[in-house]
Amino acid sequence: MKKAICFLFLLAAARTQAQSANQVLGSSLSHYVFEQFLSGKVYLRSGEVSERKLNYNALTREMIFEENGQPMAIANPENVDSVVIVGHRFIPADKKFYEWIAGNSYPVFAEYVCAVQEEGVSSGYGSSSNTSASNTMKSLHGNGTVYAMKLPDDFKVNTKVAYYLYKDNKYHPIKNLQQLSKLVPAKKDVIQAWVKEHNTDFSKREQLQLLIAQIQ
């Protein structure tokens, strides 16, 4: 891959498909957060701002933008303050990007997690095996397929979204009432009352956003 002069981006061969702007993580084929590259801005720590067509690749954990029809990945995310894609703000940390979803005093972020399996050859006993994750990724990287909007049909994409509360310069997982209450003890009673009344599901983005709004 070659570095682009502006913002030190890596070039990667790939293709894109024109689809709607909805988040599609969870699809059996797509490993991008959005169904297409969307208008956004890259804010550098230096103060420089660049307008691009952007998308987040949850499999490679890279923020990707289009340049002359080719996808390019941010090579130095540590130089980026944030990336905003149609109102969705992403923050670089831990060699990936987290999306801010709610809160200022107690900000909560989403991490898009993705793994892929390549269906193997039949074992002869009516079942099939899978190649190792490392070999699969090497294969996808080797031919540039990892940057395509959709993977071939013989690849199975396993995706999920994990949520974190940012506190003391760390991202802390919040999978349940106990974890959140421990992280925000001053708001424990408010949190417990809201969760009890609304039966909050911590895996549901909208429900978590409503809960976090109560403790700001």
N, C-alpha and C. Protein backbone atom coordinates (compact mmCIF):
# COMPACT_ATOMS: atom_id res chain seq x y z
N MET A 1 0.84 -1.20 0.00
CA MET A 1 0.00 0.00 0.00
C MET A 1 0.88 1.26 0.00
N LYS A 2 0.39 2.33 -0.64
CA LYS A 2 1.13 3.58 -0.68
C LYS A 2 0.45 4.62 0.20
N LYS A 3 1.24 5.47 0.86
CA LYS A 3 0.69 6.53 1.68
C LYS A 3 0.29 7.71 0.80
N ALA A 4 -0.89 8.22 1.01
CA ALA A 4 -1.31 9.44 0.34
C ALA A 4 -0.66 10.61 1.06
N ILE A 5 -0.28 11.65 0.32
CA ILE A 5 0.42 12.79 0.92
C ILE A 5 -0.48 13.48 1.95
N CYS A 6 -1.75 13.71 1.59
CA CYS A 6 -2.65 14.42 2.50
C CYS A 6 -3.20 13.46 3.55
N PHE A 7 -2.86 13.71 4.81
CA PHE A 7 -3.32 12.97 5.97
C PHE A 7 -2.68 11.58 6.11
N LEU A 8 -1.70 11.26 5.30
CA LEU A 8 -0.99 9.99 5.42
C LEU A 8 -1.94 8.80 5.41
N PHE A 9 -2.68 8.64 4.32
CA PHE A 9 -3.63 7.54 4.20
C PHE A 9 -3.03 6.40 3.38
N LEU A 10 -3.48 5.17 3.68
CA LEU A 10 -3.01 4.01 2.93
C LEU A 10 -3.99 3.69 1.81
N LEU A 11 -3.44 3.38 0.64
CA LEU A 11 -4.28 3.03 -0.49
C LEU A 11 -4.60 1.55 -0.48
N ALA A 12 -5.86 1.22 -0.76
CA ALA A 12 -6.27 -0.18 -0.82
C ALA A 12 -7.25 -0.36 -1.95
N ALA A 13 -7.03 -1.40 -2.78
CA ALA A 13 -7.93 -1.67 -3.90
C ALA A 13 -9.24 -2.24 -3.38
N ALA A 14 -10.36 -1.76 -3.93
CA ALA A 14 -11.67 -2.24 -3.48
C ALA A 14 -12.74 -1.74 -4.43
N ARG A 15 -13.96 -2.13 -4.19
CA ARG A 15 -15.10 -1.66 -4.96
C ARG A 15 -16.18 -1.22 -3.99
N THR A 16 -17.14 -0.42 -4.46
CA THR A 16 -18.25 0.02 -3.63
C THR A 16 -19.55 -0.23 -4.36
N GLN A 17 -20.66 -0.24 -3.61
CA GLN A 17 -21.96 -0.44 -4.19
C GLN A 17 -22.88 0.65 -3.67
N ALA A 18 -23.74 1.20 -4.54
CA ALA A 18 -24.66 2.26 -4.13
C ALA A 18 -25.86 1.65 -3.46
N GLN A 19 -25.99 1.89 -2.15
CA GLN A 19 -27.09 1.39 -1.37
C GLN A 19 -27.58 2.49 -0.45
N SER A 20 -28.52 2.23 0.44
CA SER A 20 -29.06 3.25 1.34
C SER A 20 -28.06 3.58 2.43
N ALA A 21 -28.35 4.66 3.19
CA ALA A 21 -27.42 5.16 4.19
C ALA A 21 -27.67 4.58 5.58
N ASN A 22 -28.39 3.51 5.70
CA ASN A 22 -28.67 2.91 7.00
C ASN A 22 -27.49 2.11 7.51
N GLN A 23 -27.37 1.98 8.85
CA GLN A 23 -26.36 1.12 9.43
C GLN A 23 -26.77 -0.33 9.18
N VAL A 24 -25.84 -1.15 8.74
CA VAL A 24 -26.17 -2.52 8.38
C VAL A 24 -25.29 -3.53 9.08
N LEU A 25 -24.54 -3.12 10.07
CA LEU A 25 -23.69 -4.08 10.76
C LEU A 25 -24.57 -5.18 11.34
N GLY A 26 -24.24 -6.42 11.08
CA GLY A 26 -25.08 -7.53 11.49
C GLY A 26 -25.50 -8.32 10.27
N SER A 27 -25.28 -7.78 9.09
CA SER A 27 -25.57 -8.50 7.86
C SER A 27 -24.63 -9.69 7.73
N SER A 28 -25.08 -10.73 7.05
CA SER A 28 -24.24 -11.92 6.88
C SER A 28 -23.14 -11.69 5.86
N LEU A 29 -23.20 -10.58 5.13
CA LEU A 29 -22.19 -10.33 4.10
C LEU A 29 -21.40 -9.05 4.33
N SER A 30 -22.03 -8.01 4.86
CA SER A 30 -21.38 -6.71 4.98
C SER A 30 -20.59 -6.57 6.28
N HIS A 31 -19.42 -6.01 6.17
CA HIS A 31 -18.58 -5.75 7.33
C HIS A 31 -18.33 -4.27 7.51
N TYR A 32 -19.08 -3.44 6.79
CA TYR A 32 -19.04 -2.00 6.94
C TYR A 32 -20.22 -1.55 7.79
N VAL A 33 -20.05 -0.45 8.52
CA VAL A 33 -21.12 0.07 9.36
C VAL A 33 -22.27 0.63 8.51
N PHE A 34 -21.92 1.31 7.43
CA PHE A 34 -22.94 1.88 6.55
C PHE A 34 -22.98 1.14 5.22
N GLU A 35 -24.12 1.19 4.56
CA GLU A 35 -24.31 0.45 3.31
C GLU A 35 -23.58 1.08 2.13
N GLN A 36 -23.12 2.31 2.29
CA GLN A 36 -22.35 2.96 1.24
C GLN A 36 -21.46 4.01 1.87
N PHE A 37 -20.55 4.57 1.07
CA PHE A 37 -19.70 5.66 1.55
C PHE A 37 -20.54 6.93 1.59
N LEU A 38 -20.48 7.63 2.75
CA LEU A 38 -21.34 8.78 2.98
C LEU A 38 -20.51 10.03 3.25
N SER A 39 -21.13 11.19 3.03
CA SER A 39 -20.44 12.46 3.25
C SER A 39 -20.05 12.61 4.71
N GLY A 40 -18.82 13.03 4.95
CA GLY A 40 -18.34 13.22 6.31
C GLY A 40 -17.14 14.12 6.36
N LYS A 41 -16.64 14.35 7.56
CA LYS A 41 -15.47 15.20 7.76
C LYS A 41 -14.47 14.51 8.67
N VAL A 42 -13.19 14.70 8.36
CA VAL A 42 -12.09 14.21 9.19
C VAL A 42 -11.48 15.42 9.88
N TYR A 43 -11.52 15.42 11.21
CA TYR A 43 -10.95 16.51 12.00
C TYR A 43 -9.60 16.06 12.57
N LEU A 44 -8.54 16.72 12.14
CA LEU A 44 -7.21 16.39 12.63
C LEU A 44 -6.90 17.16 13.90
N ARG A 45 -6.01 16.63 14.71
CA ARG A 45 -5.59 17.30 15.94
C ARG A 45 -4.88 18.62 15.64
N SER A 46 -4.36 18.74 14.45
CA SER A 46 -3.68 19.97 14.03
C SER A 46 -4.66 21.10 13.76
N GLY A 47 -5.96 20.76 13.69
CA GLY A 47 -6.98 21.76 13.39
C GLY A 47 -7.45 21.70 11.95
N GLU A 48 -6.77 20.93 11.12
CA GLU A 48 -7.16 20.80 9.72
C GLU A 48 -8.40 19.93 9.59
N VAL A 49 -9.26 20.27 8.62
CA VAL A 49 -10.50 19.53 8.40
C VAL A 49 -10.58 19.13 6.93
N SER A 50 -10.98 17.90 6.67
CA SER A 50 -11.12 17.41 5.30
C SER A 50 -12.50 16.80 5.11
N GLU A 51 -13.17 17.18 4.03
CA GLU A 51 -14.47 16.60 3.69
C GLU A 51 -14.25 15.42 2.75
N ARG A 52 -14.86 14.30 3.10
CA ARG A 52 -14.65 13.06 2.34
C ARG A 52 -15.93 12.23 2.29
N LYS A 53 -15.93 11.22 1.44
CA LYS A 53 -16.93 10.16 1.48
C LYS A 53 -16.32 9.07 2.36
N LEU A 54 -17.00 8.71 3.46
CA LEU A 54 -16.38 7.86 4.47
C LEU A 54 -17.25 6.67 4.84
N ASN A 55 -16.61 5.67 5.42
CA ASN A 55 -17.29 4.50 5.96
C ASN A 55 -16.33 3.82 6.94
N TYR A 56 -16.86 3.06 7.88
CA TYR A 56 -16.00 2.37 8.85
C TYR A 56 -16.02 0.87 8.58
N ASN A 57 -14.84 0.30 8.40
CA ASN A 57 -14.68 -1.12 8.16
C ASN A 57 -14.48 -1.81 9.51
N ALA A 58 -15.51 -2.50 10.00
CA ALA A 58 -15.45 -3.12 11.32
C ALA A 58 -14.53 -4.34 11.33
N LEU A 59 -14.26 -4.91 10.18
CA LEU A 59 -13.38 -6.08 10.12
C LEU A 59 -11.92 -5.69 10.26
N THR A 60 -11.50 -4.64 9.57
CA THR A 60 -10.11 -4.18 9.66
C THR A 60 -9.92 -3.13 10.76
N ARG A 61 -11.05 -2.63 11.29
CA ARG A 61 -11.05 -1.56 12.31
C ARG A 61 -10.40 -0.29 11.78
N GLU A 62 -10.65 -0.01 10.52
CA GLU A 62 -10.08 1.18 9.87
C GLU A 62 -11.20 2.10 9.40
N MET A 63 -10.92 3.40 9.47
CA MET A 63 -11.82 4.38 8.86
C MET A 63 -11.40 4.53 7.41
N ILE A 64 -12.35 4.33 6.50
CA ILE A 64 -12.04 4.31 5.07
C ILE A 64 -12.70 5.50 4.38
N PHE A 65 -11.98 6.11 3.43
CA PHE A 65 -12.58 7.15 2.61
C PHE A 65 -12.26 6.89 1.14
N GLU A 66 -13.03 7.52 0.27
CA GLU A 66 -12.83 7.33 -1.16
C GLU A 66 -11.96 8.43 -1.75
N GLU A 67 -11.06 8.04 -2.60
CA GLU A 67 -10.18 8.98 -3.32
C GLU A 67 -10.09 8.52 -4.76
N ASN A 68 -10.69 9.31 -5.67
CA ASN A 68 -10.70 8.95 -7.10
C ASN A 68 -11.29 7.57 -7.32
N GLY A 69 -12.35 7.25 -6.58
CA GLY A 69 -13.04 5.98 -6.76
C GLY A 69 -12.42 4.82 -6.03
N GLN A 70 -11.30 5.05 -5.33
CA GLN A 70 -10.61 3.98 -4.60
C GLN A 70 -10.70 4.22 -3.10
N PRO A 71 -10.98 3.17 -2.32
CA PRO A 71 -10.99 3.32 -0.86
C PRO A 71 -9.58 3.49 -0.31
N MET A 72 -9.44 4.34 0.69
CA MET A 72 -8.15 4.57 1.33
C MET A 72 -8.37 4.57 2.84
N ALA A 73 -7.46 3.94 3.57
CA ALA A 73 -7.60 3.81 5.02
C ALA A 73 -6.70 4.78 5.75
N ILE A 74 -7.20 5.36 6.84
CA ILE A 74 -6.39 6.27 7.63
C ILE A 74 -5.18 5.52 8.18
N ALA A 75 -4.00 5.98 7.85
CA ALA A 75 -2.78 5.30 8.26
C ALA A 75 -2.33 5.70 9.65
N ASN A 76 -2.67 6.92 10.06
CA ASN A 76 -2.22 7.43 11.36
C ASN A 76 -3.41 7.98 12.14
N PRO A 77 -4.27 7.11 12.66
CA PRO A 77 -5.45 7.59 13.40
C PRO A 77 -5.10 8.39 14.64
N GLU A 78 -3.87 8.23 15.15
CA GLU A 78 -3.47 9.01 16.32
C GLU A 78 -3.40 10.50 16.01
N ASN A 79 -3.36 10.85 14.72
CA ASN A 79 -3.36 12.26 14.33
C ASN A 79 -4.77 12.81 14.13
N VAL A 80 -5.75 11.95 14.28
CA VAL A 80 -7.15 12.33 14.07
C VAL A 80 -7.83 12.62 15.40
N ASP A 81 -8.54 13.74 15.46
CA ASP A 81 -9.34 14.05 16.64
C ASP A 81 -10.66 13.32 16.60
N SER A 82 -11.34 13.37 15.46
CA SER A 82 -12.62 12.69 15.31
C SER A 82 -13.00 12.63 13.84
N VAL A 83 -13.94 11.76 13.54
CA VAL A 83 -14.50 11.64 12.19
C VAL A 83 -16.02 11.69 12.33
N VAL A 84 -16.66 12.54 11.54
CA VAL A 84 -18.11 12.65 11.60
C VAL A 84 -18.70 12.24 10.26
N ILE A 85 -19.59 11.24 10.30
CA ILE A 85 -20.24 10.74 9.10
C ILE A 85 -21.75 10.90 9.28
N VAL A 86 -22.35 11.78 8.49
CA VAL A 86 -23.79 12.09 8.58
C VAL A 86 -24.30 12.10 10.03
N GLY A 87 -23.63 12.86 10.88
CA GLY A 87 -24.06 13.01 12.26
C GLY A 87 -23.53 11.98 13.23
N HIS A 88 -22.86 10.95 12.75
CA HIS A 88 -22.27 9.93 13.61
C HIS A 88 -20.81 10.29 13.87
N ARG A 89 -20.47 10.51 15.14
CA ARG A 89 -19.10 10.92 15.49
C ARG A 89 -18.28 9.73 15.97
N PHE A 90 -17.14 9.50 15.33
CA PHE A 90 -16.23 8.41 15.67
C PHE A 90 -14.94 8.96 16.25
N ILE A 91 -14.46 8.31 17.31
CA ILE A 91 -13.24 8.73 18.00
C ILE A 91 -12.20 7.62 17.91
N PRO A 92 -10.97 7.93 17.47
CA PRO A 92 -9.93 6.90 17.40
C PRO A 92 -9.35 6.60 18.78
N ALA A 93 -9.19 5.32 19.07
CA ALA A 93 -8.57 4.87 20.33
C ALA A 93 -8.30 3.38 20.23
N ASP A 94 -7.22 2.94 20.85
CA ASP A 94 -6.90 1.51 20.91
C ASP A 94 -6.82 0.86 19.53
N LYS A 95 -6.29 1.61 18.55
CA LYS A 95 -6.10 1.11 17.19
C LYS A 95 -7.42 0.75 16.50
N LYS A 96 -8.47 1.46 16.84
CA LYS A 96 -9.78 1.31 16.21
C LYS A 96 -10.57 2.58 16.44
N PHE A 97 -11.83 2.59 16.05
CA PHE A 97 -12.67 3.76 16.24
C PHE A 97 -13.92 3.38 17.04
N TYR A 98 -14.27 4.24 18.00
CA TYR A 98 -15.50 4.09 18.76
C TYR A 98 -16.48 5.18 18.32
N GLU A 99 -17.77 4.83 18.26
CA GLU A 99 -18.77 5.84 17.92
C GLU A 99 -19.42 6.38 19.18
N TRP A 100 -19.41 7.70 19.36
CA TRP A 100 -20.09 8.32 20.48
C TRP A 100 -21.59 8.24 20.23
N ILE A 101 -22.35 7.75 21.22
CA ILE A 101 -23.80 7.60 21.02
C ILE A 101 -24.62 8.41 22.01
N ALA A 102 -24.04 8.81 23.15
CA ALA A 102 -24.82 9.55 24.13
C ALA A 102 -23.93 10.06 25.25
N GLY A 103 -24.40 11.15 25.90
CA GLY A 103 -23.77 11.61 27.13
C GLY A 103 -22.59 12.52 26.97
N ASN A 104 -22.47 13.45 27.91
CA ASN A 104 -21.31 14.33 27.98
C ASN A 104 -20.58 14.15 29.31
N SER A 105 -21.32 14.24 30.41
CA SER A 105 -20.71 13.99 31.72
C SER A 105 -20.28 12.53 31.84
N TYR A 106 -21.12 11.65 31.31
CA TYR A 106 -20.83 10.21 31.29
C TYR A 106 -21.02 9.71 29.86
N PRO A 107 -20.04 9.97 28.99
CA PRO A 107 -20.19 9.60 27.57
C PRO A 107 -20.14 8.09 27.34
N VAL A 108 -21.02 7.65 26.45
CA VAL A 108 -21.10 6.23 26.10
C VAL A 108 -20.79 6.06 24.62
N PHE A 109 -20.01 5.02 24.31
CA PHE A 109 -19.56 4.77 22.95
C PHE A 109 -19.92 3.36 22.50
N ALA A 110 -20.05 3.20 21.19
CA ALA A 110 -20.31 1.89 20.60
C ALA A 110 -19.05 1.41 19.88
N GLU A 111 -18.73 0.15 20.05
CA GLU A 111 -17.63 -0.47 19.30
C GLU A 111 -18.22 -1.49 18.36
N TYR A 112 -17.91 -1.36 17.08
CA TYR A 112 -18.39 -2.30 16.08
C TYR A 112 -17.37 -3.43 15.93
N VAL A 113 -17.80 -4.64 16.24
CA VAL A 113 -16.92 -5.80 16.27
C VAL A 113 -17.33 -6.77 15.15
N CYS A 114 -16.35 -7.25 14.43
CA CYS A 114 -16.65 -8.11 13.28
C CYS A 114 -15.60 -9.20 13.13
N ALA A 115 -16.06 -10.41 12.84
CA ALA A 115 -15.17 -11.53 12.53
C ALA A 115 -15.73 -12.23 11.30
N VAL A 116 -14.86 -12.92 10.58
CA VAL A 116 -15.31 -13.56 9.34
C VAL A 116 -14.79 -14.99 9.27
N GLN A 117 -15.60 -15.86 8.72
CA GLN A 117 -15.23 -17.26 8.50
C GLN A 117 -15.40 -17.61 7.04
N GLU A 118 -14.47 -18.41 6.54
CA GLU A 118 -14.57 -18.90 5.17
C GLU A 118 -14.99 -20.35 5.21
N GLU A 119 -16.07 -20.67 4.54
CA GLU A 119 -16.56 -22.04 4.55
C GLU A 119 -15.54 -22.95 3.88
N GLY A 120 -15.25 -24.08 4.53
CA GLY A 120 -14.23 -25.00 4.03
C GLY A 120 -14.81 -26.09 3.13
N VAL A 121 -13.94 -26.97 2.75
CA VAL A 121 -14.33 -28.09 1.90
C VAL A 121 -14.98 -29.16 2.74
N SER A 122 -15.95 -29.86 2.19
CA SER A 122 -16.65 -30.90 2.92
C SER A 122 -15.67 -31.95 3.44
N SER A 123 -15.92 -32.38 4.69
CA SER A 123 -15.03 -33.36 5.31
C SER A 123 -15.31 -34.78 4.83
N GLY A 124 -16.41 -34.97 4.08
CA GLY A 124 -16.76 -36.30 3.61
C GLY A 124 -17.77 -36.98 4.50
N TYR A 125 -18.11 -36.34 5.61
CA TYR A 125 -19.08 -36.91 6.55
C TYR A 125 -20.32 -36.03 6.69
N GLY A 126 -20.60 -35.28 5.60
CA GLY A 126 -21.79 -34.45 5.61
C GLY A 126 -21.61 -33.15 6.35
N SER A 127 -20.38 -32.78 6.70
CA SER A 127 -20.12 -31.52 7.41
C SER A 127 -18.98 -30.80 6.71
N SER A 128 -18.74 -29.56 7.12
CA SER A 128 -17.66 -28.78 6.51
C SER A 128 -16.81 -28.17 7.59
N SER A 129 -15.57 -27.85 7.24
CA SER A 129 -14.66 -27.23 8.19
C SER A 129 -14.45 -25.78 7.80
N ASN A 130 -13.86 -24.98 8.67
CA ASN A 130 -13.57 -23.59 8.39
C ASN A 130 -12.07 -23.35 8.48
N THR A 131 -11.57 -22.50 7.58
CA THR A 131 -10.16 -22.15 7.66
C THR A 131 -9.96 -21.29 8.90
N SER A 132 -8.72 -21.21 9.36
CA SER A 132 -8.44 -20.41 10.55
C SER A 132 -8.70 -18.93 10.27
N ALA A 133 -9.01 -18.19 11.34
CA ALA A 133 -9.30 -16.77 11.20
C ALA A 133 -8.12 -16.02 10.61
N SER A 134 -6.91 -16.39 11.03
CA SER A 134 -5.72 -15.69 10.53
C SER A 134 -5.52 -15.93 9.04
N ASN A 135 -5.71 -17.17 8.59
CA ASN A 135 -5.55 -17.47 7.17
C ASN A 135 -6.62 -16.77 6.34
N THR A 136 -7.83 -16.69 6.90
CA THR A 136 -8.92 -16.02 6.19
C THR A 136 -8.60 -14.55 6.00
N MET A 137 -8.13 -13.89 7.06
CA MET A 137 -7.80 -12.47 6.96
C MET A 137 -6.65 -12.24 5.99
N LYS A 138 -5.65 -13.13 6.00
CA LYS A 138 -4.54 -13.00 5.07
C LYS A 138 -5.03 -13.10 3.64
N SER A 139 -5.98 -14.01 3.42
CA SER A 139 -6.54 -14.19 2.09
C SER A 139 -7.29 -12.94 1.63
N LEU A 140 -8.11 -12.40 2.52
CA LEU A 140 -8.89 -11.22 2.19
C LEU A 140 -8.00 -10.00 1.96
N HIS A 141 -6.96 -9.86 2.78
CA HIS A 141 -6.03 -8.74 2.62
C HIS A 141 -5.21 -8.90 1.34
N GLY A 142 -4.84 -10.13 1.05
CA GLY A 142 -3.98 -10.40 -0.09
C GLY A 142 -4.56 -9.95 -1.41
N ASN A 143 -5.86 -10.13 -1.60
CA ASN A 143 -6.47 -9.74 -2.87
C ASN A 143 -7.31 -8.46 -2.76
N GLY A 144 -7.27 -7.81 -1.60
CA GLY A 144 -7.99 -6.54 -1.45
C GLY A 144 -9.47 -6.69 -1.17
N THR A 145 -9.96 -7.94 -1.09
CA THR A 145 -11.39 -8.18 -0.88
C THR A 145 -11.88 -7.62 0.44
N VAL A 146 -11.00 -7.52 1.42
CA VAL A 146 -11.38 -7.03 2.74
C VAL A 146 -11.93 -5.61 2.69
N TYR A 147 -11.62 -4.87 1.61
CA TYR A 147 -12.09 -3.49 1.48
C TYR A 147 -13.33 -3.38 0.59
N ALA A 148 -13.80 -4.50 0.03
CA ALA A 148 -15.01 -4.47 -0.77
C ALA A 148 -16.22 -4.25 0.13
N MET A 149 -17.28 -3.65 -0.40
CA MET A 149 -18.47 -3.41 0.41
C MET A 149 -19.14 -4.71 0.83
N LYS A 150 -19.09 -5.70 -0.03
CA LYS A 150 -19.67 -7.00 0.28
C LYS A 150 -18.63 -8.09 0.07
N LEU A 151 -18.61 -9.06 0.97
CA LEU A 151 -17.70 -10.19 0.80
C LEU A 151 -18.36 -11.26 -0.06
N PRO A 152 -17.57 -12.15 -0.67
CA PRO A 152 -18.13 -13.23 -1.47
C PRO A 152 -19.08 -14.10 -0.64
N ASP A 153 -19.96 -14.80 -1.31
CA ASP A 153 -20.98 -15.60 -0.63
C ASP A 153 -20.41 -16.70 0.26
N ASP A 154 -19.19 -17.15 -0.02
CA ASP A 154 -18.62 -18.23 0.78
C ASP A 154 -17.94 -17.73 2.05
N PHE A 155 -18.10 -16.44 2.36
CA PHE A 155 -17.59 -15.88 3.61
C PHE A 155 -18.76 -15.53 4.51
N LYS A 156 -18.68 -15.96 5.75
CA LYS A 156 -19.72 -15.66 6.72
C LYS A 156 -19.23 -14.59 7.67
N VAL A 157 -19.99 -13.50 7.80
CA VAL A 157 -19.61 -12.39 8.66
C VAL A 157 -20.37 -12.47 9.98
N ASN A 158 -19.64 -12.47 11.07
CA ASN A 158 -20.25 -12.46 12.41
C ASN A 158 -20.00 -11.09 13.04
N THR A 159 -21.07 -10.38 13.36
CA THR A 159 -20.93 -9.02 13.85
C THR A 159 -21.70 -8.79 15.14
N LYS A 160 -21.27 -7.78 15.89
CA LYS A 160 -21.97 -7.36 17.10
C LYS A 160 -21.56 -5.93 17.43
N VAL A 161 -22.31 -5.32 18.34
CA VAL A 161 -21.99 -3.98 18.82
C VAL A 161 -21.83 -4.06 20.33
N ALA A 162 -20.71 -3.56 20.83
CA ALA A 162 -20.45 -3.53 22.27
C ALA A 162 -20.48 -2.08 22.73
N TYR A 163 -20.94 -1.85 23.96
CA TYR A 163 -21.08 -0.49 24.47
C TYR A 163 -20.16 -0.26 25.66
N TYR A 164 -19.61 0.97 25.72
CA TYR A 164 -18.65 1.33 26.75
C TYR A 164 -18.95 2.71 27.33
N LEU A 165 -18.67 2.88 28.61
CA LEU A 165 -18.71 4.20 29.23
C LEU A 165 -17.28 4.67 29.39
N TYR A 166 -17.01 5.88 28.93
CA TYR A 166 -15.66 6.43 29.00
C TYR A 166 -15.47 7.16 30.32
N LYS A 167 -14.51 6.69 31.12
CA LYS A 167 -14.24 7.28 32.42
C LYS A 167 -12.77 7.07 32.78
N ASP A 168 -12.17 8.11 33.34
CA ASP A 168 -10.76 8.03 33.75
C ASP A 168 -9.85 7.58 32.59
N ASN A 169 -10.13 8.13 31.41
CA ASN A 169 -9.33 7.85 30.21
C ASN A 169 -9.36 6.40 29.78
N LYS A 170 -10.43 5.69 30.13
CA LYS A 170 -10.58 4.29 29.73
C LYS A 170 -12.00 4.02 29.24
N TYR A 171 -12.12 3.02 28.38
CA TYR A 171 -13.43 2.58 27.90
C TYR A 171 -13.84 1.35 28.71
N HIS A 172 -14.88 1.51 29.51
CA HIS A 172 -15.34 0.45 30.40
C HIS A 172 -16.61 -0.20 29.83
N PRO A 173 -16.64 -1.53 29.68
CA PRO A 173 -17.84 -2.18 29.15
C PRO A 173 -19.04 -2.01 30.07
N ILE A 174 -20.21 -1.80 29.48
CA ILE A 174 -21.45 -1.70 30.26
C ILE A 174 -22.48 -2.64 29.62
N LYS A 175 -22.42 -3.88 30.06
CA LYS A 175 -23.32 -4.89 29.54
C LYS A 175 -24.58 -5.05 30.38
N ASN A 176 -24.56 -4.49 31.59
CA ASN A 176 -25.70 -4.70 32.48
C ASN A 176 -25.78 -3.58 33.53
N LEU A 177 -26.83 -3.66 34.34
CA LEU A 177 -27.08 -2.68 35.39
C LEU A 177 -25.94 -2.60 36.39
N GLN A 178 -25.41 -3.73 36.79
CA GLN A 178 -24.36 -3.76 37.80
C GLN A 178 -23.10 -3.01 37.34
N GLN A 179 -22.70 -3.24 36.11
CA GLN A 179 -21.50 -2.58 35.60
C GLN A 179 -21.67 -1.07 35.53
N LEU A 180 -22.82 -0.61 35.03
CA LEU A 180 -23.03 0.83 34.91
C LEU A 180 -23.15 1.48 36.28
N SER A 181 -23.85 0.85 37.20
CA SER A 181 -24.01 1.41 38.55
C SER A 181 -22.67 1.54 39.27
N LYS A 182 -21.80 0.58 39.06
CA LYS A 182 -20.48 0.61 39.70
C LYS A 182 -19.63 1.75 39.14
N LEU A 183 -19.79 2.04 37.85
CA LEU A 183 -19.01 3.09 37.22
C LEU A 183 -19.53 4.48 37.57
N VAL A 184 -20.83 4.57 37.86
CA VAL A 184 -21.44 5.87 38.18
C VAL A 184 -22.19 5.74 39.51
N PRO A 185 -21.48 5.56 40.60
CA PRO A 185 -22.13 5.34 41.90
C PRO A 185 -23.01 6.50 42.35
N ALA A 186 -22.67 7.72 41.96
CA ALA A 186 -23.45 8.89 42.37
C ALA A 186 -24.84 8.87 41.76
N LYS A 187 -25.02 8.14 40.66
CA LYS A 187 -26.31 8.07 39.97
C LYS A 187 -26.94 6.68 40.08
N LYS A 188 -26.46 5.90 41.03
CA LYS A 188 -26.91 4.51 41.16
C LYS A 188 -28.42 4.40 41.32
N ASP A 189 -29.01 5.21 42.18
CA ASP A 189 -30.45 5.12 42.42
C ASP A 189 -31.25 5.48 41.17
N VAL A 190 -30.80 6.51 40.46
CA VAL A 190 -31.48 6.93 39.23
C VAL A 190 -31.41 5.82 38.18
N ILE A 191 -30.23 5.23 38.06
CA ILE A 191 -30.03 4.16 37.08
C ILE A 191 -30.92 2.96 37.39
N GLN A 192 -30.91 2.54 38.63
CA GLN A 192 -31.69 1.36 39.02
C GLN A 192 -33.19 1.60 38.84
N ALA A 193 -33.66 2.80 39.19
CA ALA A 193 -35.08 3.11 39.06
C ALA A 193 -35.51 3.11 37.60
N TRP A 194 -34.67 3.70 36.74
CA TRP A 194 -35.01 3.77 35.32
C TRP A 194 -35.02 2.38 34.68
N VAL A 195 -33.99 1.60 34.98
CA VAL A 195 -33.89 0.25 34.41
C VAL A 195 -35.06 -0.62 34.85
N LYS A 196 -35.45 -0.49 36.12
CA LYS A 196 -36.56 -1.28 36.64
C LYS A 196 -37.87 -0.88 35.98
N GLU A 197 -38.09 0.41 35.82
CA GLU A 197 -39.34 0.90 35.23
C GLU A 197 -39.46 0.59 33.75
N HIS A 198 -38.33 0.69 33.03
CA HIS A 198 -38.36 0.55 31.57
C HIS A 198 -37.79 -0.77 31.07
N ASN A 199 -37.34 -1.62 32.01
CA ASN A 199 -36.80 -2.92 31.62
C ASN A 199 -35.73 -2.76 30.53
N THR A 200 -34.77 -1.90 30.81
CA THR A 200 -33.75 -1.53 29.82
C THR A 200 -32.91 -2.71 29.38
N ASP A 201 -32.79 -2.86 28.08
CA ASP A 201 -31.92 -3.87 27.47
C ASP A 201 -30.62 -3.17 27.09
N PHE A 202 -29.52 -3.53 27.73
CA PHE A 202 -28.24 -2.86 27.51
C PHE A 202 -27.62 -3.18 26.16
N SER A 203 -28.21 -4.06 25.41
CA SER A 203 -27.71 -4.36 24.07
C SER A 203 -28.45 -3.57 23.00
N LYS A 204 -29.45 -2.79 23.42
CA LYS A 204 -30.25 -2.00 22.48
C LYS A 204 -29.81 -0.54 22.54
N ARG A 205 -29.33 -0.04 21.43
CA ARG A 205 -28.78 1.31 21.35
C ARG A 205 -29.76 2.38 21.83
N GLU A 206 -30.99 2.36 21.32
CA GLU A 206 -31.96 3.38 21.67
C GLU A 206 -32.31 3.36 23.16
N GLN A 207 -32.44 2.18 23.72
CA GLN A 207 -32.77 2.06 25.13
C GLN A 207 -31.62 2.55 26.01
N LEU A 208 -30.41 2.26 25.59
CA LEU A 208 -29.23 2.71 26.35
C LEU A 208 -29.10 4.23 26.27
N GLN A 209 -29.40 4.81 25.13
CA GLN A 209 -29.34 6.26 24.98
C GLN A 209 -30.32 6.95 25.92
N LEU A 210 -31.52 6.41 26.04
CA LEU A 210 -32.52 6.99 26.94
C LEU A 210 -32.06 6.91 28.40
N LEU A 211 -31.45 5.79 28.75
CA LEU A 211 -30.96 5.61 30.12
C LEU A 211 -29.86 6.61 30.43
N ILE A 212 -28.90 6.74 29.53
CA ILE A 212 -27.76 7.63 29.76
C ILE A 212 -28.22 9.09 29.86
N ALA A 213 -29.29 9.44 29.15
CA ALA A 213 -29.81 10.81 29.20
C ALA A 213 -30.28 11.18 30.61
N GLN A 214 -30.63 10.18 31.41
CA GLN A 214 -31.15 10.43 32.76
C GLN A 214 -30.06 10.79 33.76
N ILE A 215 -28.79 10.54 33.41
CA ILE A 215 -27.72 10.72 34.41
C ILE A 215 -26.73 11.82 34.01
N GLN A 216 -27.12 12.65 33.04
CA GLN A 216 -26.22 13.73 32.62
C GLN A 216 -26.42 14.98 33.49
